[in-house]
Protein backbone atom coordinates (compact mmCIF):
# COMPACT_ATOMS: atom_id res chain seq x y z
CA MET A 1 0.00 0.00 0.00
CA THR A 2 1.33 3.43 -0.84
CA ALA A 3 0.67 6.63 1.04
CA ALA A 4 -0.46 8.52 -2.05
CA ALA A 5 -1.88 7.54 -5.39
CA PRO A 6 0.15 8.17 -8.53
CA GLU A 7 -0.95 11.31 -10.33
CA GLY A 8 -3.66 10.94 -12.91
CA GLU A 9 -5.03 7.61 -11.71
CA GLY A 10 -7.97 9.11 -9.82
CA ALA A 11 -7.35 7.25 -6.56
CA ALA A 12 -7.38 9.22 -3.31
CA ALA A 13 -4.44 9.53 -0.95
CA PHE A 14 -4.42 7.34 2.14
CA PRO A 15 -6.59 8.94 4.87
CA TRP A 16 -3.87 9.25 7.54
CA ASP A 17 -5.85 11.76 9.63
CA ARG A 18 -8.85 9.40 9.83
CA ALA A 19 -6.57 6.48 10.66
CA MET A 20 -4.89 8.41 13.48
CA ARG A 21 -8.25 9.46 14.97
CA ALA A 22 -9.50 5.87 14.96
CA VAL A 23 -6.26 4.44 16.35
CA LEU A 24 -6.11 7.00 19.15
CA ALA A 25 -9.81 6.57 19.99
CA LEU A 26 -9.37 2.81 20.31
CA GLY A 27 -6.00 2.91 22.03
CA LEU A 28 -4.35 0.66 19.44
CA SER A 29 -0.58 0.28 19.54
CA PRO A 30 1.41 1.00 16.37
CA ALA A 31 2.04 -2.75 16.05
CA ASP A 32 -1.70 -3.46 16.22
CA PHE A 33 -2.36 -0.83 13.55
CA TRP A 34 0.19 -2.28 11.13
CA ARG A 35 -1.20 -5.80 11.63
CA LEU A 36 -4.68 -4.78 10.48
CA ALA A 37 -5.84 -6.20 7.17
CA PRO A 38 -7.04 -3.55 4.67
CA ARG A 39 -10.65 -4.66 5.15
CA GLU A 40 -10.32 -4.45 8.97
CA LEU A 41 -8.84 -0.96 8.65
CA ALA A 42 -11.67 0.16 6.36
CA VAL A 43 -14.30 -1.05 8.84
CA LEU A 44 -12.46 0.59 11.73
CA LEU A 45 -12.24 3.91 9.89
CA ASP A 46 -15.91 3.88 8.90
CA ALA A 47 -16.99 3.09 12.46
CA HIS A 48 -14.68 5.39 14.41
CA ALA A 49 -13.55 8.16 12.07
CA PRO A 50 -16.11 9.02 9.41
CA ALA A 51 -14.74 10.67 6.28
CA THR A 52 -17.04 13.65 6.66
CA PRO A 53 -18.08 14.67 10.12
CA GLY A 54 -21.81 15.24 10.35
CA ARG A 55 -22.86 18.86 10.16
CA PRO A 56 -26.30 20.04 11.17
CA ASP A 57 -28.56 21.59 8.59
CA ARG A 58 -30.26 24.92 9.35
CA ALA A 59 -33.11 23.27 11.27
CA GLY A 60 -30.64 21.24 13.31
CA LEU A 61 -28.59 24.34 14.05
CA ASP A 62 -31.71 26.27 15.12
CA ALA A 63 -32.68 23.39 17.43
CA LEU A 64 -29.20 23.37 19.00
CA MET A 65 -29.27 27.15 19.46
CA GLN A 66 -32.64 26.91 21.17
CA ARG A 67 -31.51 24.03 23.39
CA PHE A 68 -28.19 25.68 24.32
CA PRO A 69 -28.69 29.47 24.26
CA ASP A 70 -25.69 31.75 24.65
CA GLY A 71 -27.10 33.20 27.86
CA GLY A 72 -26.01 36.75 27.07
């Protein structure tokens, strides 16, 4: 596995930031990380470090603002 895809092939670079978040969240040792099979790593990343963090839409943001007012 390479860290980055060759130019022009359309493949994405390896998601190191997602991998680090998942590894740190689970407390895996470096040795445990490197022993993971690609499929195991993919499942781990999807479960513990989503590619795009969820962002609230306008209604969700309004609900959060009502639930947690600034108090000023």
